[in-house]
N, C-alpha and C. Protein backbone atom coordinates (compact mmCIF):
# COMPACT_ATOMS: atom_id res chain seq x y z
N UNK A 1 75.65 -263.65 -182.74
CA UNK A 1 76.79 -262.74 -182.94
C UNK A 1 77.01 -261.84 -181.72
N UNK A 2 75.93 -261.23 -181.21
CA UNK A 2 76.04 -260.31 -180.09
C UNK A 2 76.59 -260.94 -178.82
N UNK A 3 76.23 -262.19 -178.58
CA UNK A 3 76.71 -262.89 -177.38
C UNK A 3 78.22 -263.04 -177.38
N UNK A 4 78.74 -263.43 -178.52
CA UNK A 4 80.19 -263.67 -178.63
C UNK A 4 80.97 -262.37 -178.42
N UNK A 5 80.41 -261.26 -178.84
CA UNK A 5 81.09 -259.97 -178.71
C UNK A 5 81.37 -259.59 -177.26
N UNK A 6 80.54 -260.07 -176.34
CA UNK A 6 80.73 -259.74 -174.92
C UNK A 6 81.73 -260.66 -174.23
N UNK A 7 82.21 -261.68 -174.92
CA UNK A 7 83.22 -262.55 -174.34
C UNK A 7 84.56 -261.83 -174.47
N UNK A 8 85.20 -261.62 -173.36
CA UNK A 8 86.38 -260.77 -173.29
C UNK A 8 87.66 -261.60 -173.45
N UNK A 9 88.45 -261.26 -174.46
CA UNK A 9 89.70 -261.99 -174.74
C UNK A 9 90.70 -261.89 -173.58
N UNK A 10 90.59 -260.84 -172.79
CA UNK A 10 91.51 -260.68 -171.65
C UNK A 10 91.34 -261.80 -170.63
N UNK A 11 90.17 -262.44 -170.64
CA UNK A 11 89.89 -263.49 -169.66
C UNK A 11 89.92 -264.88 -170.29
N UNK A 12 90.55 -265.01 -171.44
CA UNK A 12 90.47 -266.29 -172.16
C UNK A 12 91.47 -267.34 -171.69
N UNK A 13 92.11 -267.11 -170.58
CA UNK A 13 93.05 -268.09 -170.03
C UNK A 13 92.60 -268.46 -168.62
N UNK A 14 92.72 -269.73 -168.25
CA UNK A 14 92.23 -270.17 -166.94
C UNK A 14 92.90 -269.43 -165.78
N UNK A 15 94.18 -269.05 -165.93
CA UNK A 15 94.86 -268.35 -164.84
C UNK A 15 94.28 -266.95 -164.66
N UNK A 16 93.99 -266.27 -165.76
CA UNK A 16 93.38 -264.93 -165.66
C UNK A 16 91.97 -265.02 -165.09
N UNK A 17 91.24 -266.02 -165.53
CA UNK A 17 89.90 -266.25 -164.97
C UNK A 17 90.00 -266.48 -163.47
N UNK A 18 91.00 -267.27 -163.07
CA UNK A 18 91.22 -267.57 -161.66
C UNK A 18 91.58 -266.34 -160.86
N UNK A 19 92.48 -265.54 -161.38
CA UNK A 19 92.90 -264.31 -160.69
C UNK A 19 91.67 -263.42 -160.47
N UNK A 20 90.90 -263.20 -161.53
CA UNK A 20 89.74 -262.32 -161.42
C UNK A 20 88.68 -262.91 -160.49
N UNK A 21 88.46 -264.22 -160.56
CA UNK A 21 87.47 -264.86 -159.68
C UNK A 21 87.83 -264.65 -158.22
N UNK A 22 89.10 -264.82 -157.90
CA UNK A 22 89.57 -264.63 -156.52
C UNK A 22 89.41 -263.17 -156.09
N UNK A 23 89.74 -262.25 -157.00
CA UNK A 23 89.67 -260.83 -156.65
C UNK A 23 88.24 -260.30 -156.62
N UNK A 24 87.31 -261.00 -157.24
CA UNK A 24 85.90 -260.59 -157.18
C UNK A 24 85.31 -260.87 -155.79
N UNK A 25 85.82 -261.88 -155.11
CA UNK A 25 85.26 -262.25 -153.80
C UNK A 25 86.15 -261.84 -152.62
N UNK A 26 87.34 -261.35 -152.92
CA UNK A 26 88.24 -260.85 -151.88
C UNK A 26 88.61 -259.41 -152.22
N UNK A 27 88.73 -258.58 -151.20
CA UNK A 27 89.09 -257.19 -151.44
C UNK A 27 90.45 -257.11 -152.14
N UNK A 28 91.35 -258.00 -151.73
CA UNK A 28 92.66 -258.08 -152.36
C UNK A 28 93.24 -259.46 -152.09
N UNK A 29 94.30 -259.78 -152.82
CA UNK A 29 95.04 -261.03 -152.59
C UNK A 29 96.50 -260.75 -152.89
N UNK A 30 97.40 -261.35 -152.12
CA UNK A 30 98.81 -261.14 -152.42
C UNK A 30 99.31 -262.25 -153.35
N UNK A 31 100.51 -262.07 -153.83
CA UNK A 31 101.10 -262.97 -154.82
C UNK A 31 101.10 -264.41 -154.32
N UNK A 32 101.51 -264.57 -153.05
CA UNK A 32 101.62 -265.92 -152.47
C UNK A 32 100.25 -266.61 -152.42
N UNK A 33 99.23 -265.86 -152.02
CA UNK A 33 97.88 -266.42 -151.94
C UNK A 33 97.39 -266.86 -153.32
N UNK A 34 97.55 -265.99 -154.31
CA UNK A 34 97.13 -266.32 -155.68
C UNK A 34 97.89 -267.54 -156.21
N UNK A 35 99.19 -267.55 -155.94
CA UNK A 35 100.03 -268.65 -156.42
C UNK A 35 99.57 -269.99 -155.83
N UNK A 36 99.28 -269.99 -154.52
CA UNK A 36 98.84 -271.22 -153.86
C UNK A 36 97.45 -271.64 -154.31
N UNK A 37 96.52 -270.70 -154.40
CA UNK A 37 95.15 -271.03 -154.80
C UNK A 37 95.07 -271.52 -156.24
N UNK A 38 95.89 -270.94 -157.11
CA UNK A 38 95.83 -271.29 -158.53
C UNK A 38 96.82 -272.39 -158.91
N UNK A 39 97.74 -272.70 -157.99
CA UNK A 39 98.74 -273.74 -158.22
C UNK A 39 99.53 -273.50 -159.52
N UNK A 40 100.15 -272.32 -159.60
CA UNK A 40 100.92 -271.92 -160.78
C UNK A 40 102.33 -271.50 -160.39
N UNK A 41 103.21 -271.39 -161.37
CA UNK A 41 104.58 -270.94 -161.12
C UNK A 41 104.59 -269.41 -160.96
N UNK A 42 105.67 -268.92 -160.37
CA UNK A 42 105.83 -267.46 -160.20
C UNK A 42 105.73 -266.74 -161.54
N UNK A 43 106.48 -267.24 -162.52
CA UNK A 43 106.53 -266.59 -163.84
C UNK A 43 105.18 -266.57 -164.53
N UNK A 44 104.47 -267.69 -164.43
CA UNK A 44 103.16 -267.81 -165.05
C UNK A 44 102.18 -266.82 -164.43
N UNK A 45 102.15 -266.77 -163.11
CA UNK A 45 101.26 -265.85 -162.41
C UNK A 45 101.62 -264.40 -162.74
N UNK A 46 102.90 -264.09 -162.70
CA UNK A 46 103.35 -262.72 -162.96
C UNK A 46 102.95 -262.26 -164.37
N UNK A 47 103.12 -263.12 -165.37
CA UNK A 47 102.80 -262.69 -166.73
C UNK A 47 101.30 -262.49 -166.94
N UNK A 48 100.48 -263.35 -166.33
CA UNK A 48 99.03 -263.18 -166.47
C UNK A 48 98.53 -261.98 -165.66
N UNK A 49 99.12 -261.75 -164.49
CA UNK A 49 98.75 -260.58 -163.70
C UNK A 49 99.12 -259.31 -164.46
N UNK A 50 100.28 -259.33 -165.10
CA UNK A 50 100.73 -258.16 -165.88
C UNK A 50 99.75 -257.87 -167.03
N UNK A 51 99.25 -258.91 -167.68
CA UNK A 51 98.29 -258.73 -168.78
C UNK A 51 97.01 -258.08 -168.26
N UNK A 52 96.54 -258.51 -167.10
CA UNK A 52 95.33 -257.91 -166.52
C UNK A 52 95.59 -256.48 -166.04
N UNK A 53 96.79 -256.25 -165.54
CA UNK A 53 97.17 -254.89 -165.10
C UNK A 53 97.22 -253.95 -166.31
N UNK A 54 97.73 -254.44 -167.41
CA UNK A 54 97.84 -253.64 -168.64
C UNK A 54 96.45 -253.20 -169.12
N UNK A 55 95.47 -254.06 -168.95
CA UNK A 55 94.08 -253.73 -169.32
C UNK A 55 93.42 -252.83 -168.28
N UNK A 56 94.13 -252.58 -167.17
CA UNK A 56 93.62 -251.81 -166.03
C UNK A 56 92.46 -252.50 -165.34
N UNK A 57 92.47 -253.85 -165.36
CA UNK A 57 91.45 -254.65 -164.70
C UNK A 57 91.85 -254.97 -163.26
N UNK A 58 93.15 -254.94 -162.99
CA UNK A 58 93.62 -255.13 -161.61
C UNK A 58 94.62 -254.03 -161.27
N UNK A 59 94.71 -253.77 -159.97
CA UNK A 59 95.67 -252.78 -159.46
C UNK A 59 96.73 -253.55 -158.67
N UNK A 60 97.97 -253.15 -158.84
CA UNK A 60 99.07 -253.84 -158.17
C UNK A 60 99.73 -252.87 -157.19
N UNK A 61 99.90 -253.32 -155.94
CA UNK A 61 100.59 -252.51 -154.94
C UNK A 61 101.77 -253.29 -154.41
N UNK A 62 102.95 -252.70 -154.52
CA UNK A 62 104.15 -253.36 -154.01
C UNK A 62 104.58 -252.67 -152.72
N UNK A 63 104.93 -253.49 -151.74
CA UNK A 63 105.39 -252.93 -150.47
C UNK A 63 106.35 -253.92 -149.83
N UNK A 64 106.83 -253.58 -148.66
CA UNK A 64 107.71 -254.49 -147.92
C UNK A 64 107.08 -254.83 -146.58
N UNK A 65 107.10 -256.11 -146.24
CA UNK A 65 106.62 -256.57 -144.93
C UNK A 65 107.79 -257.31 -144.29
N UNK A 66 108.26 -256.80 -143.16
CA UNK A 66 109.47 -257.34 -142.52
C UNK A 66 110.64 -257.46 -143.51
N UNK A 67 110.85 -256.41 -144.26
CA UNK A 67 111.93 -256.32 -145.26
C UNK A 67 111.80 -257.29 -146.43
N UNK A 68 110.66 -257.98 -146.52
CA UNK A 68 110.43 -258.88 -147.66
C UNK A 68 109.45 -258.20 -148.62
N UNK A 69 109.72 -258.28 -149.93
CA UNK A 69 108.79 -257.66 -150.87
C UNK A 69 107.42 -258.36 -150.84
N UNK A 70 106.37 -257.56 -150.91
CA UNK A 70 105.02 -258.10 -150.93
C UNK A 70 104.26 -257.43 -152.06
N UNK A 71 103.62 -258.21 -152.90
CA UNK A 71 102.83 -257.68 -154.00
C UNK A 71 101.38 -258.02 -153.75
N UNK A 72 100.54 -256.98 -153.74
CA UNK A 72 99.13 -257.13 -153.45
C UNK A 72 98.32 -256.73 -154.68
N UNK A 73 97.30 -257.53 -155.00
CA UNK A 73 96.47 -257.27 -156.17
C UNK A 73 95.03 -257.02 -155.74
N UNK A 74 94.35 -256.13 -156.46
CA UNK A 74 92.92 -255.93 -156.25
C UNK A 74 92.28 -255.64 -157.60
N UNK A 75 91.00 -255.98 -157.71
CA UNK A 75 90.27 -255.71 -158.95
C UNK A 75 89.87 -254.24 -158.99
N UNK A 76 90.00 -253.62 -160.13
CA UNK A 76 89.57 -252.23 -160.29
C UNK A 76 88.07 -252.23 -160.61
N UNK A 77 87.40 -251.08 -160.45
CA UNK A 77 85.98 -251.02 -160.85
C UNK A 77 85.80 -251.42 -162.33
N UNK A 78 86.71 -251.00 -163.19
CA UNK A 78 86.67 -251.37 -164.60
C UNK A 78 86.79 -252.88 -164.76
N UNK A 79 87.71 -253.48 -164.03
CA UNK A 79 87.92 -254.92 -164.09
C UNK A 79 86.72 -255.69 -163.60
N UNK A 80 86.11 -255.21 -162.51
CA UNK A 80 84.92 -255.86 -161.96
C UNK A 80 83.78 -255.84 -162.98
N UNK A 81 83.57 -254.69 -163.60
CA UNK A 81 82.48 -254.54 -164.58
C UNK A 81 82.74 -255.43 -165.80
N UNK A 82 83.98 -255.43 -166.29
CA UNK A 82 84.33 -256.23 -167.47
C UNK A 82 84.18 -257.72 -167.18
N UNK A 83 84.58 -258.14 -165.99
CA UNK A 83 84.49 -259.56 -165.64
C UNK A 83 83.03 -260.00 -165.50
N UNK A 84 82.21 -259.15 -164.88
CA UNK A 84 80.78 -259.45 -164.74
C UNK A 84 80.14 -259.62 -166.12
N UNK A 85 80.46 -258.70 -167.01
CA UNK A 85 79.91 -258.73 -168.37
C UNK A 85 80.35 -260.03 -169.08
N UNK A 86 81.60 -260.40 -168.87
CA UNK A 86 82.16 -261.63 -169.46
C UNK A 86 81.41 -262.86 -168.95
N UNK A 87 81.21 -262.94 -167.64
CA UNK A 87 80.52 -264.08 -167.04
C UNK A 87 79.07 -264.14 -167.52
N UNK A 88 78.42 -262.98 -167.58
CA UNK A 88 77.03 -262.94 -168.08
C UNK A 88 76.95 -263.43 -169.52
N UNK A 89 77.92 -263.05 -170.34
CA UNK A 89 77.95 -263.49 -171.74
C UNK A 89 78.12 -265.00 -171.82
N UNK A 90 79.00 -265.55 -170.98
CA UNK A 90 79.20 -267.01 -170.96
C UNK A 90 77.93 -267.72 -170.52
N UNK A 91 77.26 -267.18 -169.50
CA UNK A 91 76.02 -267.79 -169.03
C UNK A 91 74.95 -267.79 -170.11
N UNK A 92 74.84 -266.68 -170.85
CA UNK A 92 73.85 -266.61 -171.94
C UNK A 92 74.21 -267.64 -173.02
N UNK A 93 75.49 -267.74 -173.29
CA UNK A 93 75.97 -268.66 -174.33
C UNK A 93 75.62 -270.11 -174.02
N UNK A 94 75.72 -270.47 -172.73
CA UNK A 94 75.40 -271.86 -172.38
C UNK A 94 73.94 -272.01 -171.95
N UNK A 95 73.19 -270.93 -172.08
CA UNK A 95 71.76 -270.98 -171.81
C UNK A 95 71.38 -271.14 -170.36
N UNK A 96 72.16 -270.50 -169.48
CA UNK A 96 71.89 -270.59 -168.05
C UNK A 96 70.78 -269.64 -167.64
């Protein structure tokens, strides 16, 4: 029972897992980088990023580079801790 409790519903989709995995090993990633690495549509990426932002697991910074909008994402300390706990719970579950 205790193991399952640490599995976080916020990470129950492969795109969210992917976003967090990328942000755990990179200080930040922009929309284009995440989209290419995860091979997803704009809308799909935006909705999953919004869900993680709502949980305060990622921080979103919007700016302009050469007059083009740029959206940059980074994992928050809360998001990093929650993701680590989630991965540890999965590892325990599969007996790693």
